Amino acid sequence: MRVSIGMTPFEGLYGRKCRSPVCWDDKTNAVMLRPEMIQEMLRKYVRNPTHILEPKHVEIDEQMSYVEVPKEILDRKVRKTRNGETSLVKVLWARHNVEEATWEAEASMREKYPDLFVDKYFV
């Protein structure tokens, strides 16, 4: 016996209607894309001789993987949970930009990389 829940899987999971253009069957919520709007997303790339991307050299081992190494700690915060508090540090990794820094547990970072915590703020 086949039973329907009366809604799309997206609605069932997220509790709201899908807003992507693929799901715009309801004309009241649809937003018409004009050609100039699409043209703005698809602008032609203008070649610039000074815009040169150099590939980063990454040493890869036999298993085709490499080890991430932390460069520095950018920030620190304490997250309160039901079971207590957890200290977190924002880590800047060696091969990444500041935007790609991640929050890691301070205890595990202290254990793996104690030399990162020689700063006066992390004593």
PDB file of N, CA and C in Angstrom:
ATOM      1  N   MET A   1       0.843  -1.182   0.000  1.00  0.00           N
ATOM      2  CA  MET A   1       0.000   0.000   0.000  1.00  0.00           C
ATOM      3  C   MET A   1       0.887   1.243   0.000  1.00  0.00           C
ATOM      4  N   ARG A   2       0.635   2.155  -0.879  1.00  0.00           N
ATOM      5  CA  ARG A   2       1.404   3.383  -1.004  1.00  0.00           C
ATOM      6  C   ARG A   2       0.620   4.533  -0.358  1.00  0.00           C
ATOM      7  N   VAL A   3       1.307   5.279   0.561  1.00  0.00           N
ATOM      8  CA  VAL A   3       0.666   6.384   1.251  1.00  0.00           C
ATOM      9  C   VAL A   3       1.490   7.646   1.002  1.00  0.00           C
ATOM     10  N   SER A   4       0.825   8.748   0.716  1.00  0.00           N
ATOM     11  CA  SER A   4       1.508  10.011   0.482  1.00  0.00           C
ATOM     12  C   SER A   4       1.361  10.905   1.703  1.00  0.00           C
ATOM     13  N   ILE A   5       2.396  11.673   2.003  1.00  0.00           N
ATOM     14  CA  ILE A   5       2.312  12.600   3.129  1.00  0.00           C
ATOM     15  C   ILE A   5       1.710  13.937   2.713  1.00  0.00           C
ATOM     16  N   GLY A   6       1.447  14.094   1.426  1.00  0.00           N
ATOM     17  CA  GLY A   6       0.776  15.293   0.943  1.00  0.00           C
ATOM     18  C   GLY A   6       1.684  16.496   0.783  1.00  0.00           C
ATOM     19  N   MET A   7       2.989  16.263   0.735  1.00  0.00           N
ATOM     20  CA  MET A   7       3.932  17.369   0.525  1.00  0.00           C
ATOM     21  C   MET A   7       5.198  16.828  -0.108  1.00  0.00           C
ATOM     22  N   THR A   8       6.003  17.726  -0.621  1.00  0.00           N
ATOM     23  CA  THR A   8       7.256  17.316  -1.237  1.00  0.00           C
ATOM     24  C   THR A   8       8.242  16.884  -0.147  1.00  0.00           C
ATOM     25  N   PRO A   9       9.253  16.097  -0.502  1.00  0.00           N
ATOM     26  CA  PRO A   9      10.259  15.720   0.490  1.00  0.00           C
ATOM     27  C   PRO A   9      10.957  16.944   1.110  1.00  0.00           C
ATOM     28  N   PHE A  10      11.180  17.996   0.324  1.00  0.00           N
ATOM     29  CA  PHE A  10      11.802  19.216   0.853  1.00  0.00           C
ATOM     30  C   PHE A  10      10.945  19.828   1.949  1.00  0.00           C
ATOM     31  N   GLU A  11       9.629  19.925   1.695  1.00  0.00           N
ATOM     32  CA  GLU A  11       8.713  20.468   2.695  1.00  0.00           C
ATOM     33  C   GLU A  11       8.695  19.620   3.954  1.00  0.00           C
ATOM     34  N   GLY A  12       8.728  18.301   3.772  1.00  0.00           N
ATOM     35  CA  GLY A  12       8.728  17.407   4.924  1.00  0.00           C
ATOM     36  C   GLY A  12       9.968  17.567   5.778  1.00  0.00           C
ATOM     37  N   LEU A  13      11.116  17.763   5.136  1.00  0.00           N
ATOM     38  CA  LEU A  13      12.374  17.903   5.875  1.00  0.00           C
ATOM     39  C   LEU A  13      12.536  19.273   6.518  1.00  0.00           C
ATOM     40  N   TYR A  14      12.200  20.345   5.768  1.00  0.00           N
ATOM     41  CA  TYR A  14      12.520  21.692   6.221  1.00  0.00           C
ATOM     42  C   TYR A  14      11.308  22.516   6.663  1.00  0.00           C
ATOM     43  N   GLY A  15      10.093  21.997   6.496  1.00  0.00           N
ATOM     44  CA  GLY A  15       8.912  22.687   6.974  1.00  0.00           C
ATOM     45  C   GLY A  15       8.509  23.909   6.154  1.00  0.00           C
ATOM     46  N   ARG A  16       9.041  24.057   4.962  1.00  0.00           N
ATOM     47  CA  ARG A  16       8.690  25.169   4.086  1.00  0.00           C
ATOM     48  C   ARG A  16       8.822  24.725   2.643  1.00  0.00           C
ATOM     49  N   LYS A  17       8.216  25.503   1.757  1.00  0.00           N
ATOM     50  CA  LYS A  17       8.275  25.174   0.336  1.00  0.00           C
ATOM     51  C   LYS A  17       9.652  25.483  -0.229  1.00  0.00           C
ATOM     52  N   CYS A  18      10.053  24.744  -1.224  1.00  0.00           N
ATOM     53  CA  CYS A  18      11.326  24.964  -1.908  1.00  0.00           C
ATOM     54  C   CYS A  18      11.266  26.251  -2.699  1.00  0.00           C
ATOM     55  N   ARG A  19      12.335  27.077  -2.608  1.00  0.00           N
ATOM     56  CA  ARG A  19      12.341  28.357  -3.308  1.00  0.00           C
ATOM     57  C   ARG A  19      13.241  28.351  -4.539  1.00  0.00           C
ATOM     58  N   SER A  20      13.795  27.209  -4.911  1.00  0.00           N
ATOM     59  CA  SER A  20      14.662  27.184  -6.085  1.00  0.00           C
ATOM     60  C   SER A  20      13.811  27.255  -7.349  1.00  0.00           C
ATOM     61  N   PRO A  21      14.372  27.758  -8.443  1.00  0.00           N
ATOM     62  CA  PRO A  21      13.598  27.879  -9.690  1.00  0.00           C
ATOM     63  C   PRO A  21      13.035  26.550 -10.181  1.00  0.00           C
ATOM     64  N   VAL A  22      13.642  25.445  -9.808  1.00  0.00           N
ATOM     65  CA  VAL A  22      13.145  24.141 -10.233  1.00  0.00           C
ATOM     66  C   VAL A  22      11.779  23.860  -9.630  1.00  0.00           C
ATOM     67  N   CYS A  23      11.526  24.377  -8.421  1.00  0.00           N
ATOM     68  CA  CYS A  23      10.283  24.093  -7.700  1.00  0.00           C
ATOM     69  C   CYS A  23       9.258  25.209  -7.816  1.00  0.00           C
ATOM     70  N   TRP A  24       9.430  26.146  -8.717  1.00  0.00           N
ATOM     71  CA  TRP A  24       8.508  27.269  -8.798  1.00  0.00           C
ATOM     72  C   TRP A  24       7.276  26.920  -9.622  1.00  0.00           C
ATOM     73  N   ASP A  25       6.456  26.049  -9.085  1.00  0.00           N
ATOM     74  CA  ASP A  25       5.208  25.737  -9.759  1.00  0.00           C
ATOM     75  C   ASP A  25       4.087  26.649  -9.277  1.00  0.00           C
ATOM     76  N   ASP A  26       4.268  27.286  -8.125  1.00  0.00           N
ATOM     77  CA  ASP A  26       3.291  28.229  -7.593  1.00  0.00           C
ATOM     78  C   ASP A  26       3.625  29.615  -8.138  1.00  0.00           C
ATOM     79  N   LYS A  27       2.781  30.167  -9.008  1.00  0.00           N
ATOM     80  CA  LYS A  27       3.074  31.421  -9.692  1.00  0.00           C
ATOM     81  C   LYS A  27       3.064  32.625  -8.747  1.00  0.00           C
ATOM     82  N   THR A  28       2.426  32.519  -7.588  1.00  0.00           N
ATOM     83  CA  THR A  28       2.371  33.655  -6.669  1.00  0.00           C
ATOM     84  C   THR A  28       3.723  33.924  -6.031  1.00  0.00           C
ATOM     85  N   ASN A  29       4.565  32.917  -5.854  1.00  0.00           N
ATOM     86  CA  ASN A  29       5.869  33.088  -5.226  1.00  0.00           C
ATOM     87  C   ASN A  29       7.011  33.174  -6.219  1.00  0.00           C
ATOM     88  N   ALA A  30       6.723  33.005  -7.487  1.00  0.00           N
ATOM     89  CA  ALA A  30       7.791  32.960  -8.488  1.00  0.00           C
ATOM     90  C   ALA A  30       8.377  34.348  -8.735  1.00  0.00           C
ATOM     91  N   VAL A  31       9.650  34.388  -8.962  1.00  0.00           N
ATOM     92  CA  VAL A  31      10.341  35.616  -9.327  1.00  0.00           C
ATOM     93  C   VAL A  31      10.867  35.413 -10.734  1.00  0.00           C
ATOM     94  N   MET A  32      10.479  36.292 -11.625  1.00  0.00           N
ATOM     95  CA  MET A  32      10.895  36.141 -13.010  1.00  0.00           C
ATOM     96  C   MET A  32      12.318  36.661 -13.173  1.00  0.00           C
ATOM     97  N   LEU A  33      13.176  35.870 -13.777  1.00  0.00           N
ATOM     98  CA  LEU A  33      14.540  36.283 -14.058  1.00  0.00           C
ATOM     99  C   LEU A  33      14.572  36.971 -15.413  1.00  0.00           C
ATOM    100  N   ARG A  34      14.955  38.224 -15.410  1.00  0.00           N
ATOM    101  CA  ARG A  34      15.068  38.970 -16.647  1.00  0.00           C
ATOM    102  C   ARG A  34      16.434  38.693 -17.271  1.00  0.00           C
ATOM    103  N   PRO A  35      16.571  38.856 -18.585  1.00  0.00           N
ATOM    104  CA  PRO A  35      17.853  38.592 -19.248  1.00  0.00           C
ATOM    105  C   PRO A  35      19.008  39.396 -18.664  1.00  0.00           C
ATOM    106  N   GLU A  36      18.754  40.643 -18.237  1.00  0.00           N
ATOM    107  CA  GLU A  36      19.847  41.435 -17.673  1.00  0.00           C
ATOM    108  C   GLU A  36      20.317  40.894 -16.319  1.00  0.00           C
ATOM    109  N   MET A  37      19.402  40.254 -15.584  1.00  0.00           N
ATOM    110  CA  MET A  37      19.803  39.649 -14.316  1.00  0.00           C
ATOM    111  C   MET A  37      20.721  38.450 -14.563  1.00  0.00           C
ATOM    112  N   ILE A  38      20.399  37.663 -15.553  1.00  0.00           N
ATOM    113  CA  ILE A  38      21.229  36.509 -15.896  1.00  0.00           C
ATOM    114  C   ILE A  38      22.547  36.971 -16.472  1.00  0.00           C
ATOM    115  N   GLN A  39      22.516  38.018 -17.302  1.00  0.00           N
ATOM    116  CA  GLN A  39      23.730  38.541 -17.917  1.00  0.00           C
ATOM    117  C   GLN A  39      24.709  39.049 -16.858  1.00  0.00           C
ATOM    118  N   GLU A  40      24.192  39.626 -15.735  1.00  0.00           N
ATOM    119  CA  GLU A  40      25.050  40.122 -14.663  1.00  0.00           C
ATOM    120  C   GLU A  40      25.829  38.971 -14.015  1.00  0.00           C
ATOM    121  N   MET A  41      25.157  37.750 -13.850  1.00  0.00           N
ATOM    122  CA  MET A  41      25.851  36.591 -13.264  1.00  0.00           C
ATOM    123  C   MET A  41      26.870  36.022 -14.213  1.00  0.00           C
ATOM    124  N   LEU A  42      26.629  36.133 -15.575  1.00  0.00           N
ATOM    125  CA  LEU A  42      27.450  35.499 -16.589  1.00  0.00           C
ATOM    126  C   LEU A  42      28.317  36.505 -17.346  1.00  0.00           C
ATOM    127  N   ARG A  43      28.894  37.495 -16.638  1.00  0.00           N
ATOM    128  CA  ARG A  43      29.763  38.464 -17.303  1.00  0.00           C
ATOM    129  C   ARG A  43      30.995  37.775 -17.854  1.00  0.00           C
ATOM    130  N   LYS A  44      31.445  38.274 -18.985  1.00  0.00           N
ATOM    131  CA  LYS A  44      32.625  37.719 -19.631  1.00  0.00           C
ATOM    132  C   LYS A  44      33.879  38.119 -18.848  1.00  0.00           C
ATOM    133  N   TYR A  45      34.799  37.186 -18.700  1.00  0.00           N
ATOM    134  CA  TYR A  45      36.057  37.461 -18.008  1.00  0.00           C
ATOM    135  C   TYR A  45      36.951  38.281 -18.921  1.00  0.00           C
ATOM    136  N   VAL A  46      37.438  39.397 -18.406  1.00  0.00           N
ATOM    137  CA  VAL A  46      38.360  40.241 -19.145  1.00  0.00           C
ATOM    138  C   VAL A  46      39.766  39.881 -18.685  1.00  0.00           C
ATOM    139  N   ARG A  47      40.578  39.438 -19.618  1.00  0.00           N
ATOM    140  CA  ARG A  47      41.924  38.970 -19.287  1.00  0.00           C
ATOM    141  C   ARG A  47      42.769  40.113 -18.754  1.00  0.00           C
ATOM    142  N   ASN A  48      43.461  39.846 -17.659  1.00  0.00           N
ATOM    143  CA  ASN A  48      44.349  40.817 -17.048  1.00  0.00           C
ATOM    144  C   ASN A  48      45.717  40.148 -16.889  1.00  0.00           C
ATOM    145  N   PRO A  49      46.762  40.653 -17.541  1.00  0.00           N
ATOM    146  CA  PRO A  49      48.079  40.007 -17.470  1.00  0.00           C
ATOM    147  C   PRO A  49      48.664  39.964 -16.061  1.00  0.00           C
ATOM    148  N   THR A  50      48.225  40.865 -15.174  1.00  0.00           N
ATOM    149  CA  THR A  50      48.745  40.851 -13.802  1.00  0.00           C
ATOM    150  C   THR A  50      48.031  39.833 -12.925  1.00  0.00           C
ATOM    151  N   HIS A  51      46.944  39.285 -13.411  1.00  0.00           N
ATOM    152  CA  HIS A  51      46.175  38.302 -12.641  1.00  0.00           C
ATOM    153  C   HIS A  51      46.703  36.902 -12.928  1.00  0.00           C
ATOM    154  N   ILE A  52      47.708  36.522 -12.152  1.00  0.00           N
ATOM    155  CA  ILE A  52      48.352  35.227 -12.353  1.00  0.00           C
ATOM    156  C   ILE A  52      48.195  34.407 -11.079  1.00  0.00           C
ATOM    157  N   LEU A  53      47.659  33.230 -11.227  1.00  0.00           N
ATOM    158  CA  LEU A  53      47.502  32.333 -10.084  1.00  0.00           C
ATOM    159  C   LEU A  53      48.612  31.298 -10.109  1.00  0.00           C
ATOM    160  N   GLU A  54      49.432  31.326  -9.092  1.00  0.00           N
ATOM    161  CA  GLU A  54      50.504  30.348  -8.972  1.00  0.00           C
ATOM    162  C   GLU A  54      50.011  29.179  -8.129  1.00  0.00           C
ATOM    163  N   PRO A  55      50.200  27.966  -8.593  1.00  0.00           N
ATOM    164  CA  PRO A  55      49.785  26.815  -7.780  1.00  0.00           C
ATOM    165  C   PRO A  55      50.678  26.686  -6.555  1.00  0.00           C
ATOM    166  N   LYS A  56      50.052  26.285  -5.434  1.00  0.00           N
ATOM    167  CA  LYS A  56      50.813  26.078  -4.209  1.00  0.00           C
ATOM    168  C   LYS A  56      51.472  24.709  -4.254  1.00  0.00           C
ATOM    169  N   HIS A  57      52.698  24.652  -3.785  1.00  0.00           N
ATOM    170  CA  HIS A  57      53.403  23.378  -3.728  1.00  0.00           C
ATOM    171  C   HIS A  57      52.972  22.637  -2.467  1.00  0.00           C
ATOM    172  N   VAL A  58      52.432  21.443  -2.643  1.00  0.00           N
ATOM    173  CA  VAL A  58      51.980  20.625  -1.529  1.00  0.00           C
ATOM    174  C   VAL A  58      52.660  19.277  -1.624  1.00  0.00           C
ATOM    175  N   GLU A  59      53.332  18.888  -0.531  1.00  0.00           N
ATOM    176  CA  GLU A  59      53.984  17.577  -0.520  1.00  0.00           C
ATOM    177  C   GLU A  59      52.954  16.506  -0.195  1.00  0.00           C
ATOM    178  N   ILE A  60      52.835  15.537  -1.099  1.00  0.00           N
ATOM    179  CA  ILE A  60      51.851  14.462  -0.959  1.00  0.00           C
ATOM    180  C   ILE A  60      52.595  13.159  -0.718  1.00  0.00           C
ATOM    181  N   ASP A  61      52.090  12.373   0.255  1.00  0.00           N
ATOM    182  CA  ASP A  61      52.745  11.100   0.556  1.00  0.00           C
ATOM    183  C   ASP A  61      52.231   9.977  -0.337  1.00  0.00           C
ATOM    184  N   GLU A  62      52.632   8.747  -0.039  1.00  0.00           N
ATOM    185  CA  GLU A  62      52.273   7.593  -0.883  1.00  0.00           C
ATOM    186  C   GLU A  62      50.766   7.334  -0.934  1.00  0.00           C
ATOM    187  N   GLN A  63      50.056   7.711   0.125  1.00  0.00           N
ATOM    188  CA  GLN A  63      48.602   7.494   0.171  1.00  0.00           C
ATOM    189  C   GLN A  63      47.830   8.661  -0.462  1.00  0.00           C
ATOM    190  N   MET A  64      48.555   9.537  -1.176  1.00  0.00           N
ATOM    191  CA  MET A  64      47.947  10.691  -1.833  1.00  0.00           C
ATOM    192  C   MET A  64      47.251  11.614  -0.825  1.00  0.00           C
ATOM    193  N   SER A  65      47.895  11.846   0.315  1.00  0.00           N
ATOM    194  CA  SER A  65      47.364  12.749   1.324  1.00  0.00           C
ATOM    195  C   SER A  65      48.500  13.626   1.850  1.00  0.00           C
ATOM    196  N   TYR A  66      48.153  14.660   2.580  1.00  0.00           N
ATOM    197  CA  TYR A  66      49.153  15.533   3.172  1.00  0.00           C
ATOM    198  C   TYR A  66      48.699  15.921   4.578  1.00  0.00           C
ATOM    199  N   VAL A  67      49.615  16.378   5.379  1.00  0.00           N
ATOM    200  CA  VAL A  67      49.338  16.730   6.766  1.00  0.00           C
ATOM    201  C   VAL A  67      49.100  18.229   6.869  1.00  0.00           C
ATOM    202  N   GLU A  68      47.961  18.601   7.446  1.00  0.00           N
ATOM    203  CA  GLU A  68      47.672  20.008   7.705  1.00  0.00           C
ATOM    204  C   GLU A  68      48.432  20.429   8.947  1.00  0.00           C
ATOM    205  N   VAL A  69      49.047  21.584   8.892  1.00  0.00           N
ATOM    206  CA  VAL A  69      49.821  22.090  10.018  1.00  0.00           C
ATOM    207  C   VAL A  69      49.259  23.451  10.414  1.00  0.00           C
ATOM    208  N   PRO A  70      48.977  23.652  11.707  1.00  0.00           N
ATOM    209  CA  PRO A  70      48.468  24.959  12.120  1.00  0.00           C
ATOM    210  C   PRO A  70      49.564  26.006  12.091  1.00  0.00           C
ATOM    211  N   LYS A  71      49.193  27.209  11.682  1.00  0.00           N
ATOM    212  CA  LYS A  71      50.156  28.301  11.588  1.00  0.00           C
ATOM    213  C   LYS A  71      50.117  29.173  12.840  1.00  0.00           C
ATOM    214  N   GLU A  72      48.901  29.559  13.235  1.00  0.00           N
ATOM    215  CA  GLU A  72      48.757  30.368  14.441  1.00  0.00           C
ATOM    216  C   GLU A  72      47.329  30.306  14.956  1.00  0.00           C
ATOM    217  N   ILE A  73      47.146  30.784  16.178  1.00  0.00           N
ATOM    218  CA  ILE A  73      45.823  30.841  16.786  1.00  0.00           C
ATOM    219  C   ILE A  73      45.341  32.284  16.688  1.00  0.00           C
ATOM    220  N   LEU A  74      44.160  32.463  16.113  1.00  0.00           N
ATOM    221  CA  LEU A  74      43.633  33.796  15.869  1.00  0.00           C
ATOM    222  C   LEU A  74      42.729  34.308  16.976  1.00  0.00           C
ATOM    223  N   ASP A  75      41.992  33.401  17.615  1.00  0.00           N
ATOM    224  CA  ASP A  75      40.997  33.829  18.594  1.00  0.00           C
ATOM    225  C   ASP A  75      40.716  32.685  19.561  1.00  0.00           C
ATOM    226  N   ARG A  76      40.028  33.007  20.630  1.00  0.00           N
ATOM    227  CA  ARG A  76      39.667  32.003  21.643  1.00  0.00           C
ATOM    228  C   ARG A  76      38.276  32.333  22.158  1.00  0.00           C
ATOM    229  N   LYS A  77      37.470  31.303  22.436  1.00  0.00           N
ATOM    230  CA  LYS A  77      36.150  31.515  23.033  1.00  0.00           C
ATOM    231  C   LYS A  77      35.769  30.293  23.843  1.00  0.00           C
ATOM    232  N   VAL A  78      34.783  30.466  24.709  1.00  0.00           N
ATOM    233  CA  VAL A  78      34.281  29.371  25.542  1.00  0.00           C
ATOM    234  C   VAL A  78      32.833  29.140  25.176  1.00  0.00           C
ATOM    235  N   ARG A  79      32.522  27.897  24.785  1.00  0.00           N
ATOM    236  CA  ARG A  79      31.152  27.527  24.431  1.00  0.00           C
ATOM    237  C   ARG A  79      30.516  26.826  25.634  1.00  0.00           C
ATOM    238  N   LYS A  80      29.357  27.330  26.042  1.00  0.00           N
ATOM    239  CA  LYS A  80      28.638  26.725  27.159  1.00  0.00           C
ATOM    240  C   LYS A  80      27.685  25.674  26.613  1.00  0.00           C
ATOM    241  N   THR A  81      27.754  24.487  27.188  1.00  0.00           N
ATOM    242  CA  THR A  81      26.874  23.392  26.795  1.00  0.00           C
ATOM    243  C   THR A  81      26.122  22.891  28.020  1.00  0.00           C
ATOM    244  N   ARG A  82      25.273  21.913  27.838  1.00  0.00           N
ATOM    245  CA  ARG A  82      24.534  21.345  28.973  1.00  0.00           C
ATOM    246  C   ARG A  82      25.463  20.674  29.973  1.00  0.00           C
ATOM    247  N   ASN A  83      26.531  20.103  29.473  1.00  0.00           N
ATOM    248  CA  ASN A  83      27.445  19.356  30.342  1.00  0.00           C
ATOM    249  C   ASN A  83      28.581  20.203  30.908  1.00  0.00           C
ATOM    250  N   GLY A  84      28.630  21.476  30.584  1.00  0.00           N
ATOM    251  CA  GLY A  84      29.700  22.324  31.089  1.00  0.00           C
ATOM    252  C   GLY A  84      30.154  23.311  30.040  1.00  0.00           C
ATOM    253  N   GLU A  85      31.445  23.594  30.047  1.00  0.00           N
ATOM    254  CA  GLU A  85      32.012  24.549  29.107  1.00  0.00           C
ATOM    255  C   GLU A  85      33.127  23.905  28.306  1.00  0.00           C
ATOM    256  N   THR A  86      33.252  24.328  27.060  1.00  0.00           N
ATOM    257  CA  THR A  86      34.315  23.836  26.187  1.00  0.00           C
ATOM    258  C   THR A  86      35.085  25.036  25.656  1.00  0.00           C
ATOM    259  N   SER A  87      36.400  25.012  25.826  1.00  0.00           N
ATOM    260  CA  SER A  87      37.249  26.080  25.300  1.00  0.00           C
ATOM    261  C   SER A  87      37.599  25.773  23.850  1.00  0.00           C
ATOM    262  N   LEU A  88      37.415  26.765  22.989  1.00  0.00           N
ATOM    263  CA  LEU A  88      37.706  26.616  21.569  1.00  0.00           C
ATOM    264  C   LEU A  88      38.732  27.663  21.141  1.00  0.00           C
ATOM    265  N   VAL A  89      39.536  27.314  20.168  1.00  0.00           N
ATOM    266  CA  VAL A  89      40.488  28.253  19.576  1.00  0.00           C
ATOM    267  C   VAL A  89      40.268  28.281  18.068  1.00  0.00           C
ATOM    268  N   LYS A  90      40.416  29.475  17.485  1.00  0.00           N
ATOM    269  CA  LYS A  90      40.284  29.621  16.041  1.00  0.00           C
ATOM    270  C   LYS A  90      41.675  29.476  15.436  1.00  0.00           C
ATOM    271  N   VAL A  91      41.847  28.442  14.608  1.00  0.00           N
ATOM    272  CA  VAL A  91      43.159  28.076  14.092  1.00  0.00           C
ATOM    273  C   VAL A  91      43.292  28.462  12.627  1.00  0.00           C
ATOM    274  N   LEU A  92      44.391  29.164  12.333  1.00  0.00           N
ATOM    275  CA  LEU A  92      44.745  29.464  10.950  1.00  0.00           C
ATOM    276  C   LEU A  92      45.699  28.382  10.489  1.00  0.00           C
ATOM    277  N   TRP A  93      45.326  27.652   9.454  1.00  0.00           N
ATOM    278  CA  TRP A  93      46.140  26.551   8.950  1.00  0.00           C
ATOM    279  C   TRP A  93      47.136  27.073   7.925  1.00  0.00           C
ATOM    280  N   ALA A  94      48.245  26.393   7.782  1.00  0.00           N
ATOM    281  CA  ALA A  94      49.382  26.862   6.991  1.00  0.00           C
ATOM    282  C   ALA A  94      49.043  27.107   5.523  1.00  0.00           C
ATOM    283  N   ARG A  95      48.240  26.300   4.903  1.00  0.00           N
ATOM    284  CA  ARG A  95      47.977  26.428   3.468  1.00  0.00           C
ATOM    285  C   ARG A  95      46.637  27.086   3.152  1.00  0.00           C
ATOM    286  N   HIS A  96      46.080  27.827   4.128  1.00  0.00           N
ATOM    287  CA  HIS A  96      44.752  28.397   3.946  1.00  0.00           C
ATOM    288  C   HIS A  96      44.728  29.880   4.282  1.00  0.00           C
ATOM    289  N   ASN A  97      43.674  30.554   3.842  1.00  0.00           N
ATOM    290  CA  ASN A  97      43.457  31.971   4.128  1.00  0.00           C
ATOM    291  C   ASN A  97      42.789  32.127   5.486  1.00  0.00           C
ATOM    292  N   VAL A  98      42.731  33.374   5.959  1.00  0.00           N
ATOM    293  CA  VAL A  98      42.096  33.666   7.247  1.00  0.00           C
ATOM    294  C   VAL A  98      40.611  33.288   7.209  1.00  0.00           C
ATOM    295  N   GLU A  99      39.973  33.455   6.056  1.00  0.00           N
ATOM    296  CA  GLU A  99      38.546  33.112   5.932  1.00  0.00           C
ATOM    297  C   GLU A  99      38.300  31.621   6.138  1.00  0.00           C
ATOM    298  N   GLU A 100      39.313  30.807   5.944  1.00  0.00           N
ATOM    299  CA  GLU A 100      39.160  29.358   6.063  1.00  0.00           C
ATOM    300  C   GLU A 100      39.618  28.828   7.418  1.00  0.00           C
ATOM    301  N   ALA A 101      39.891  29.726   8.380  1.00  0.00           N
ATOM    302  CA  ALA A 101      40.290  29.297   9.723  1.00  0.00           C
ATOM    303  C   ALA A 101      39.136  28.534  10.370  1.00  0.00           C
ATOM    304  N   THR A 102      39.467  27.556  11.216  1.00  0.00           N
ATOM    305  CA  THR A 102      38.445  26.714  11.824  1.00  0.00           C
ATOM    306  C   THR A 102      38.512  26.793  13.350  1.00  0.00           C
ATOM    307  N   TRP A 103      37.379  26.549  13.988  1.00  0.00           N
ATOM    308  CA  TRP A 103      37.319  26.476  15.446  1.00  0.00           C
ATOM    309  C   TRP A 103      37.614  25.044  15.862  1.00  0.00           C
ATOM    310  N   GLU A 104      38.570  24.873  16.741  1.00  0.00           N
ATOM    311  CA  GLU A 104      38.980  23.549  17.210  1.00  0.00           C
ATOM    312  C   GLU A 104      38.958  23.530  18.732  1.00  0.00           C
ATOM    313  N   ALA A 105      38.829  22.334  19.318  1.00  0.00           N
ATOM    314  CA  ALA A 105      38.867  22.190  20.771  1.00  0.00           C
ATOM    315  C   ALA A 105      40.265  22.542  21.281  1.00  0.00           C
ATOM    316  N   GLU A 106      40.305  23.434  22.264  1.00  0.00           N
ATOM    317  CA  GLU A 106      41.596  23.895  22.764  1.00  0.00           C
ATOM    318  C   GLU A 106      42.404  22.762  23.382  1.00  0.00           C
ATOM    319  N   ALA A 107      41.754  21.861  24.097  1.00  0.00           N
ATOM    320  CA  ALA A 107      42.472  20.765  24.758  1.00  0.00           C
ATOM    321  C   ALA A 107      43.196  19.876  23.748  1.00  0.00           C
ATOM    322  N   SER A 108      42.526  19.528  22.657  1.00  0.00           N
ATOM    323  CA  SER A 108      43.170  18.655  21.675  1.00  0.00           C
ATOM    324  C   SER A 108      44.276  19.392  20.924  1.00  0.00           C
ATOM    325  N   MET A 109      44.098  20.690  20.678  1.00  0.00           N
ATOM    326  CA  MET A 109      45.143  21.463  20.012  1.00  0.00           C
ATOM    327  C   MET A 109      46.360  21.641  20.923  1.00  0.00           C
ATOM    328  N   ARG A 110      46.136  21.825  22.229  1.00  0.00           N
ATOM    329  CA  ARG A 110      47.247  21.919  23.185  1.00  0.00           C
ATOM    330  C   ARG A 110      48.046  20.619  23.217  1.00  0.00           C
ATOM    331  N   GLU A 111      47.319  19.513  23.127  1.00  0.00           N
ATOM    332  CA  GLU A 111      47.974  18.200  23.175  1.00  0.00           C
ATOM    333  C   GLU A 111      48.803  17.949  21.920  1.00  0.00           C
ATOM    334  N   LYS A 112      48.242  18.277  20.746  1.00  0.00           N
ATOM    335  CA  LYS A 112      48.930  18.000  19.492  1.00  0.00           C
ATOM    336  C   LYS A 112      49.996  19.041  19.147  1.00  0.00           C
ATOM    337  N   TYR A 113      49.716  20.318  19.458  1.00  0.00           N
ATOM    338  CA  TYR A 113      50.598  21.414  19.056  1.00  0.00           C
ATOM    339  C   TYR A 113      50.863  22.356  20.234  1.00  0.00           C
ATOM    340  N   PRO A 114      51.628  21.919  21.232  1.00  0.00           N
ATOM    341  CA  PRO A 114      51.851  22.768  22.412  1.00  0.00           C
ATOM    342  C   PRO A 114      52.616  24.050  22.102  1.00  0.00           C
ATOM    343  N   ASP A 115      53.405  24.061  21.028  1.00  0.00           N
ATOM    344  CA  ASP A 115      54.184  25.251  20.692  1.00  0.00           C
ATOM    345  C   ASP A 115      53.309  26.427  20.236  1.00  0.00           C
ATOM    346  N   LEU A 116      52.051  26.173  19.872  1.00  0.00           N
ATOM    347  CA  LEU A 116      51.141  27.258  19.496  1.00  0.00           C
ATOM    348  C   LEU A 116      50.706  28.081  20.697  1.00  0.00           C
ATOM    349  N   PHE A 117      50.843  27.529  21.895  1.00  0.00           N
ATOM    350  CA  PHE A 117      50.299  28.149  23.087  1.00  0.00           C
ATOM    351  C   PHE A 117      51.363  28.807  23.968  1.00  0.00           C
ATOM    352  N   VAL A 118      52.492  29.181  23.413  1.00  0.00           N
ATOM    353  CA  VAL A 118      53.542  29.844  24.187  1.00  0.00           C
ATOM    354  C   VAL A 118      53.246  31.335  24.364  1.00  0.00           C
ATOM    355  N   ASP A 119      52.246  31.843  23.680  1.00  0.00           N
ATOM    356  CA  ASP A 119      51.853  33.244  23.770  1.00  0.00           C
ATOM    357  C   ASP A 119      51.326  33.542  25.173  1.00  0.00           C
ATOM    358  N   LYS A 120      51.467  34.766  25.624  1.00  0.00           N
ATOM    359  CA  LYS A 120      51.033  35.152  26.978  1.00  0.00           C
ATOM    360  C   LYS A 120      49.521  35.038  27.173  1.00  0.00           C
ATOM    361  N   TYR A 121      48.723  35.074  26.078  1.00  0.00           N
ATOM    362  CA  TYR A 121      47.276  34.997  26.193  1.00  0.00           C
ATOM    363  C   TYR A 121      46.787  33.575  26.440  1.00  0.00           C
ATOM    364  N   PHE A 122      47.598  32.585  26.177  1.00  0.00           N
ATOM    365  CA  PHE A 122      47.157  31.199  26.279  1.00  0.00           C
ATOM    366  C   PHE A 122      47.950  30.423  27.319  1.00  0.00           C
ATOM    367  N   VAL A 123      48.334  31.042  28.407  1.00  0.00           N
ATOM    368  CA  VAL A 123      49.128  30.350  29.446  1.00  0.00           C
ATOM    369  C   VAL A 123      48.225  29.521  30.305  1.00  0.00           C
TER     370      VAL A 123
END
